[in-house]
Amino acid sequence: MRLLVLGGTGFVGGATVAEATRRGWSVTVFNRGLHGVVPPGVHRLRGDRTAPDGLAALAGGEWDVVVDTWDGAPRAAGAAARALLASIGHYVYVSSGSVYTDHAAAGLHEDSPVVDADPDAVDGDYPQLKAGAEGAVREVFGERALIARAGLILGPGEDIGRLPWWLRRIERGGDVLAPGPADLPVQYVDVRDLAGWMLDAGARRVSGTFNAVGRPAQTTMGELLDACVAATGAAARLRWTEPATILAAGVQPWSDLPIWMPRGHPYRGLLEQDVTRALAAGLICRPVTETVEDTWRWLREVGAVPPRAGRPERGPVGLDPAREAAVLAA
């Protein structure tokens, strides 16, 4: 199979390139050439899809599948799709569950309402950009397009630092503020499982829109943090604390305590999406212990969370040690 990845050096793009290379596929990446490296044997085309004639390097190419992780202007997504219409067999666009309008609702499915978005827009917030790009790709490729609405993505290579923060925090040992309840479900997908599924589905010419994430009860906060303790081998004590106590202290879910989204939170629905379609289309997710162990192994090798390739810097995630100690003391 011949694969083109638009991007290819970031978290999802890098995992997709690595998996395709492992399979022996012929792999080409298209990006500005400013960030990251590609595995040996991968062909790199340079260009900037936002610049005039920035897609020229793609001319004359021919691929079976393209995977596009773009999260910028929908107009640029449409331009890339049009440039590749005669060169690509199947188009896989990596979108996000953030496109849904009601982030609090449990059981969000692919036909749930999404935000209003213009496929020809040049700006917007993240949900509008992703929803607009979905529309732009569909307008061009129609039934030759697969839209993968990813949820929380974890695993080796993570460039936001959610799971890495928990691993480093638990590595320090001592009393760890563990946001309860321990049996709170966490819905996520390992980046390698997402990449493998997209390649499989693209090769089979699967079309349509899918919530590309694991089951709503893929794991729990307790299983996740226990796996972090086991992987690091640290002398850490998980101090399970009620959500009300944590919220009363001004601690923010998701940003201060990554991955944690308590029941009743206005974005809780993004961790309770319906994935019937994706599972029926072959998505298989590995156990959380494997994701945590492999992420810890990778993190020890690289030392720190890498910058986000070609994307603006994000604020740091994770709770300040002094604030954590104050909440535990209270």
Protein backbone atom coordinates (compact mmCIF):
# COMPACT_ATOMS: atom_id res chain seq x y z
CA MET A 1 0.00 0.00 0.00
CA ARG A 2 1.10 3.55 -0.75
CA LEU A 3 0.40 6.00 2.07
CA LEU A 4 0.58 9.79 2.14
CA VAL A 5 0.46 11.52 5.53
CA LEU A 6 -0.19 15.25 5.58
CA GLY A 7 1.93 16.18 8.58
CA GLY A 8 3.57 13.02 9.82
CA THR A 9 5.91 14.24 12.57
CA GLY A 10 3.43 15.00 15.35
CA PHE A 11 1.68 12.67 17.78
CA VAL A 12 -1.00 11.03 15.63
CA GLY A 13 0.80 11.56 12.33
CA GLY A 14 4.02 10.13 13.71
CA ALA A 15 2.28 7.04 15.06
CA THR A 16 0.56 6.54 11.71
CA VAL A 17 3.87 6.77 9.83
CA ALA A 18 5.51 4.36 12.28
CA GLU A 19 2.73 1.79 11.96
CA ALA A 20 2.64 1.98 8.17
CA THR A 21 6.42 1.60 8.04
CA ARG A 22 6.20 -1.42 10.34
CA ARG A 23 3.74 -2.97 7.89
CA GLY A 24 6.11 -2.46 4.99
CA TRP A 25 3.97 0.16 3.27
CA SER A 26 5.47 2.78 0.98
CA VAL A 27 5.17 5.98 3.02
CA THR A 28 5.38 9.63 2.01
CA VAL A 29 4.92 12.60 4.33
CA PHE A 30 4.10 16.16 3.31
CA ASN A 31 4.95 19.02 5.66
CA ARG A 32 7.03 22.16 5.97
CA GLY A 33 10.10 20.22 7.06
CA LEU A 34 10.57 22.38 10.16
CA HIS A 35 9.79 19.90 12.91
CA GLY A 36 10.66 16.34 13.78
CA VAL A 37 12.23 13.54 11.82
CA VAL A 38 10.83 10.65 9.81
CA PRO A 39 11.90 6.99 9.92
CA PRO A 40 14.44 5.73 7.40
CA GLY A 41 12.88 4.89 4.07
CA VAL A 42 10.07 7.44 4.40
CA HIS A 43 9.93 9.95 1.54
CA ARG A 44 9.49 13.57 2.65
CA LEU A 45 7.85 16.22 0.49
CA ARG A 46 8.11 19.81 1.65
CA GLY A 47 5.41 22.43 1.30
CA ASP A 48 3.09 24.76 3.19
CA ARG A 49 -0.57 24.18 2.47
CA THR A 50 -1.41 27.73 3.59
CA ALA A 51 0.94 29.39 1.10
CA PRO A 52 0.35 30.17 -2.58
CA ASP A 53 1.45 27.13 -4.59
CA GLY A 54 2.27 25.48 -1.27
CA LEU A 55 0.88 22.14 -2.47
CA ALA A 56 3.04 21.98 -5.59
CA ALA A 57 5.22 19.17 -4.22
CA LEU A 58 2.19 16.84 -4.31
CA ALA A 59 1.77 17.18 -8.07
CA GLY A 60 2.31 13.96 -9.98
CA GLY A 61 2.11 11.72 -6.94
CA GLU A 62 -0.16 8.72 -6.58
CA TRP A 63 -1.19 7.04 -3.32
CA ASP A 64 -3.77 4.55 -2.12
CA VAL A 65 -4.59 6.30 1.15
CA VAL A 66 -3.98 9.72 2.67
CA VAL A 67 -4.20 10.46 6.41
CA ASP A 68 -4.68 14.15 7.22
CA THR A 69 -4.36 15.47 10.79
CA TRP A 70 -4.93 19.15 9.91
CA ASP A 71 -6.51 21.36 12.58
CA GLY A 72 -6.19 24.74 10.87
CA ALA A 73 -8.37 26.64 8.43
CA PRO A 74 -11.04 24.51 6.71
CA ARG A 75 -10.28 26.32 3.45
CA ALA A 76 -6.76 24.84 3.52
CA ALA A 77 -8.19 21.36 4.14
CA GLY A 78 -10.41 21.75 1.10
CA ALA A 79 -7.51 22.97 -1.04
CA ALA A 80 -5.45 19.92 -0.11
CA ALA A 81 -8.37 17.60 -0.85
CA ARG A 82 -8.92 19.15 -4.27
CA ALA A 83 -5.21 18.95 -5.07
CA LEU A 84 -5.24 15.24 -4.25
CA LEU A 85 -8.56 14.26 -5.80
CA ALA A 86 -7.02 12.47 -8.78
CA SER A 87 -4.02 11.14 -6.85
CA ILE A 88 -5.63 9.42 -3.86
CA GLY A 89 -7.79 6.35 -3.54
CA HIS A 90 -9.21 7.09 -0.08
CA TYR A 91 -9.05 10.12 2.22
CA VAL A 92 -8.87 9.69 6.01
CA TYR A 93 -9.34 12.89 7.99
CA VAL A 94 -8.58 12.96 11.72
CA SER A 95 -11.25 15.09 13.36
CA SER A 96 -12.38 15.37 16.99
CA GLY A 97 -15.34 14.69 19.23
CA SER A 98 -15.13 18.38 20.08
CA VAL A 99 -17.27 19.08 17.00
CA TYR A 100 -20.44 18.06 18.88
CA THR A 101 -22.58 20.90 20.20
CA ASP A 102 -23.57 19.31 23.53
CA HIS A 103 -20.36 18.29 25.27
CA ALA A 104 -22.19 17.31 28.44
CA ALA A 105 -24.45 14.68 26.87
CA ALA A 106 -23.65 11.02 27.36
CA GLY A 107 -23.87 8.71 24.38
CA LEU A 108 -22.88 11.21 21.70
CA HIS A 109 -23.05 9.41 18.36
CA GLU A 110 -22.02 10.28 14.84
CA ASP A 111 -25.43 11.75 14.00
CA SER A 112 -25.55 14.01 17.08
CA PRO A 113 -25.65 17.74 16.25
CA VAL A 114 -22.31 19.40 15.51
CA VAL A 115 -21.27 23.04 15.61
CA ASP A 116 -22.07 25.29 12.69
CA ALA A 117 -18.99 25.53 10.51
CA ASP A 118 -18.03 26.85 7.10
CA PRO A 119 -15.90 24.57 4.88
CA ASP A 120 -14.41 27.71 3.33
CA ALA A 121 -13.56 29.44 6.63
CA VAL A 122 -10.09 30.75 7.32
CA ASP A 123 -10.41 30.92 11.10
CA GLY A 124 -12.57 29.84 14.03
CA ASP A 125 -12.29 28.00 17.32
CA TYR A 126 -11.10 24.41 17.49
CA PRO A 127 -14.53 22.74 17.10
CA GLN A 128 -15.37 25.01 14.16
CA LEU A 129 -12.04 24.34 12.47
CA LYS A 130 -12.44 20.58 12.76
CA ALA A 131 -16.10 20.56 11.73
CA GLY A 132 -15.38 22.89 8.82
CA ALA A 133 -12.53 20.70 7.63
CA GLU A 134 -14.78 17.64 7.84
CA GLY A 135 -17.20 19.38 5.52
CA ALA A 136 -14.45 20.48 3.15
CA VAL A 137 -13.12 16.94 2.81
CA ARG A 138 -16.61 15.49 2.31
CA GLU A 139 -17.42 18.04 -0.38
CA VAL A 140 -14.44 16.86 -2.42
CA PHE A 141 -14.17 13.12 -1.70
CA GLY A 142 -17.72 12.16 -0.73
CA GLU A 143 -17.95 8.38 -0.30
CA ARG A 144 -14.18 8.09 -0.65
CA ALA A 145 -13.70 9.81 2.72
CA LEU A 146 -13.46 8.48 6.27
CA ILE A 147 -13.87 10.98 9.12
CA ALA A 148 -12.29 9.74 12.36
CA ARG A 149 -13.56 11.81 15.30
CA ALA A 150 -10.90 11.01 17.85
CA GLY A 151 -11.46 11.35 21.57
CA LEU A 152 -8.81 11.47 24.29
CA ILE A 153 -5.62 10.08 22.75
CA LEU A 154 -2.88 8.63 24.95
CA GLY A 155 0.27 6.62 24.36
CA PRO A 156 3.94 6.98 23.46
CA GLY A 157 4.74 10.24 21.71
CA GLU A 158 2.03 12.28 23.44
CA ASP A 159 2.87 15.94 22.90
CA ILE A 160 0.37 17.47 25.31
CA GLY A 161 1.62 15.70 28.41
CA ARG A 162 -1.49 14.41 30.16
CA LEU A 163 -0.42 10.84 30.88
CA PRO A 164 3.27 11.88 31.11
CA TRP A 165 2.35 14.33 33.87
CA TRP A 166 0.73 11.59 35.95
CA LEU A 167 3.71 9.32 35.42
CA ARG A 168 6.22 11.99 36.48
CA ARG A 169 4.07 13.01 39.43
CA ILE A 170 3.75 9.45 40.68
CA GLU A 171 7.46 8.89 40.08
CA ARG A 172 8.15 11.59 42.72
CA GLY A 173 6.34 9.42 45.25
CA GLY A 174 4.67 10.44 48.47
CA ASP A 175 0.99 11.25 48.86
CA VAL A 176 -0.61 11.82 45.46
CA LEU A 177 -3.90 13.70 45.09
CA ALA A 178 -6.03 11.11 43.28
CA PRO A 179 -9.29 12.57 41.96
CA GLY A 180 -12.20 10.35 42.81
CA PRO A 181 -14.12 8.30 42.50
CA ALA A 182 -11.66 5.55 41.68
CA ASP A 183 -14.26 3.79 39.55
CA LEU A 184 -14.88 6.87 37.37
CA PRO A 185 -14.80 5.62 33.74
CA VAL A 186 -12.19 7.03 31.40
CA GLN A 187 -12.70 6.78 27.63
CA TYR A 188 -9.56 7.07 25.52
CA VAL A 189 -7.74 5.49 22.63
CA ASP A 190 -4.09 4.49 22.40
CA VAL A 191 -2.55 6.41 19.52
CA ARG A 192 -1.17 3.19 18.04
CA ASP A 193 -4.62 1.59 18.02
CA LEU A 194 -6.07 4.69 16.37
CA ALA A 195 -3.33 4.69 13.74
CA GLY A 196 -3.69 0.99 13.01
CA TRP A 197 -7.45 1.23 12.69
CA MET A 198 -7.26 4.20 10.33
CA LEU A 199 -4.79 2.36 8.10
CA ASP A 200 -6.92 -0.78 8.08
CA ALA A 201 -10.11 1.16 7.36
CA GLY A 202 -8.43 3.28 4.71
CA ALA A 203 -7.05 0.22 2.94
CA ARG A 204 -10.54 -1.34 2.96
CA ARG A 205 -12.05 1.92 1.64
CA VAL A 206 -14.34 2.27 4.66
CA SER A 207 -16.30 5.51 4.38
CA GLY A 208 -18.40 7.60 6.72
CA THR A 209 -17.95 9.19 10.13
CA PHE A 210 -16.80 7.35 13.24
CA ASN A 211 -16.20 8.18 16.89
CA ALA A 212 -12.66 6.81 16.92
CA VAL A 213 -12.07 6.14 20.59
CA GLY A 214 -12.31 3.20 22.98
CA ARG A 215 -15.36 2.04 24.89
CA PRO A 216 -16.83 4.53 27.43
CA ALA A 217 -15.55 2.28 30.22
CA GLN A 218 -12.23 1.47 28.53
CA THR A 219 -10.61 2.01 31.93
CA THR A 220 -11.17 3.91 35.19
CA MET A 221 -9.18 6.56 37.04
CA GLY A 222 -8.29 3.89 39.60
CA GLU A 223 -6.99 1.43 37.00
CA LEU A 224 -5.10 4.18 35.21
CA LEU A 225 -3.33 5.53 38.30
CA ASP A 226 -2.66 2.05 39.68
CA ALA A 227 -0.99 1.25 36.36
CA CYS A 228 1.14 4.39 36.70
CA VAL A 229 2.25 3.30 40.19
CA ALA A 230 3.10 -0.18 38.93
CA ALA A 231 4.95 1.07 35.84
CA THR A 232 7.11 3.57 37.71
CA GLY A 233 7.69 1.35 40.73
CA ALA A 234 7.43 4.48 42.84
CA ALA A 235 6.68 4.66 46.55
CA ALA A 236 3.54 6.66 45.89
CA ARG A 237 0.32 6.60 47.92
CA LEU A 238 -2.86 7.46 46.03
CA ARG A 239 -5.01 9.66 48.26
CA TRP A 240 -8.46 9.35 46.72
CA THR A 241 -10.38 12.58 47.23
CA GLU A 242 -14.00 13.46 46.53
CA PRO A 243 -14.64 15.70 43.53
CA ALA A 244 -16.45 18.29 45.65
CA THR A 245 -13.36 18.79 47.81
CA ILE A 246 -11.08 19.16 44.80
CA LEU A 247 -13.39 21.58 42.98
CA ALA A 248 -13.95 23.67 46.11
CA ALA A 249 -10.18 24.21 46.25
CA GLY A 250 -10.24 25.73 42.76
CA VAL A 251 -8.48 22.78 41.13
CA GLN A 252 -9.48 22.48 37.49
CA PRO A 253 -10.35 19.12 35.93
CA TRP A 254 -8.48 18.23 32.74
CA SER A 255 -5.83 20.96 33.05
CA ASP A 256 -4.74 20.79 36.71
CA LEU A 257 -5.54 17.10 37.00
CA PRO A 258 -5.15 15.75 33.44
CA ILE A 259 -7.55 13.13 32.09
CA TRP A 260 -9.91 13.57 35.06
CA MET A 261 -13.38 14.78 34.12
CA PRO A 262 -15.87 14.31 36.99
CA ARG A 263 -19.50 13.46 36.50
CA GLY A 264 -21.59 16.56 35.92
CA HIS A 265 -18.77 18.47 34.24
CA PRO A 266 -19.92 20.39 31.12
CA TYR A 267 -17.49 18.39 28.98
CA ARG A 268 -18.09 14.99 30.57
CA GLY A 269 -19.91 13.74 27.48
CA LEU A 270 -16.64 13.72 25.52
CA LEU A 271 -15.57 10.77 27.68
CA GLU A 272 -18.85 8.91 27.23
CA GLN A 273 -19.26 8.76 23.45
CA ASP A 274 -21.03 5.98 21.61
CA VAL A 275 -18.50 3.91 19.65
CA THR A 276 -20.74 1.22 18.20
CA ARG A 277 -19.77 2.09 14.63
CA ALA A 278 -16.02 2.12 15.20
CA LEU A 279 -16.06 -1.19 17.06
CA ALA A 280 -18.14 -2.74 14.27
CA ALA A 281 -15.58 -1.39 11.78
CA GLY A 282 -12.75 -3.20 13.54
CA LEU A 283 -11.36 -0.80 16.16
CA ILE A 284 -9.57 -2.85 18.83
CA CYS A 285 -8.01 -1.23 21.91
CA ARG A 286 -5.18 -2.62 24.00
CA PRO A 287 -5.36 -2.74 27.83
CA VAL A 288 -4.52 0.38 29.81
CA THR A 289 -1.54 -1.30 31.47
CA GLU A 290 0.16 -1.63 28.07
CA THR A 291 -0.51 2.00 27.19
CA VAL A 292 0.88 3.19 30.52
CA GLU A 293 3.94 0.92 30.53
CA ASP A 294 4.90 1.82 26.96
CA THR A 295 4.37 5.53 27.59
CA TRP A 296 6.60 5.34 30.67
CA ARG A 297 9.28 3.51 28.71
CA TRP A 298 9.14 6.13 25.95
CA LEU A 299 9.12 9.03 28.41
CA ARG A 300 12.25 7.75 30.12
CA GLU A 301 13.97 7.49 26.74
CA VAL A 302 13.10 11.00 25.54
CA GLY A 303 13.28 12.69 28.93
CA ALA A 304 10.55 15.29 28.34
CA VAL A 305 7.32 15.78 26.45
CA PRO A 306 8.19 16.92 22.91
CA PRO A 307 6.91 20.20 21.45
CA ARG A 308 3.81 20.02 19.31
CA ALA A 309 5.03 19.77 15.73
CA GLY A 310 3.93 22.74 13.68
CA ARG A 311 1.36 23.88 16.25
CA PRO A 312 1.19 26.69 18.83
CA GLU A 313 2.56 25.95 22.26
CA ARG A 314 -0.01 25.00 24.88
CA GLY A 315 0.10 25.97 28.52
CA PRO A 316 1.58 23.35 30.84
CA VAL A 317 -0.75 20.74 32.27
CA GLY A 318 -0.67 19.46 35.81
CA LEU A 319 -1.14 20.73 39.34
CA ASP A 320 1.55 22.76 41.10
CA PRO A 321 3.08 20.73 43.97
CA ALA A 322 2.29 23.43 46.54
CA ARG A 323 -1.37 23.53 45.57
CA GLU A 324 -1.56 19.74 45.64
CA ALA A 325 -0.07 19.68 49.13
CA ALA A 326 -2.58 22.29 50.29
CA VAL A 327 -5.54 20.27 49.04
CA LEU A 328 -4.20 17.11 50.67
CA ALA A 329 -3.60 18.92 53.95
CA ALA A 330 -7.16 20.23 53.94
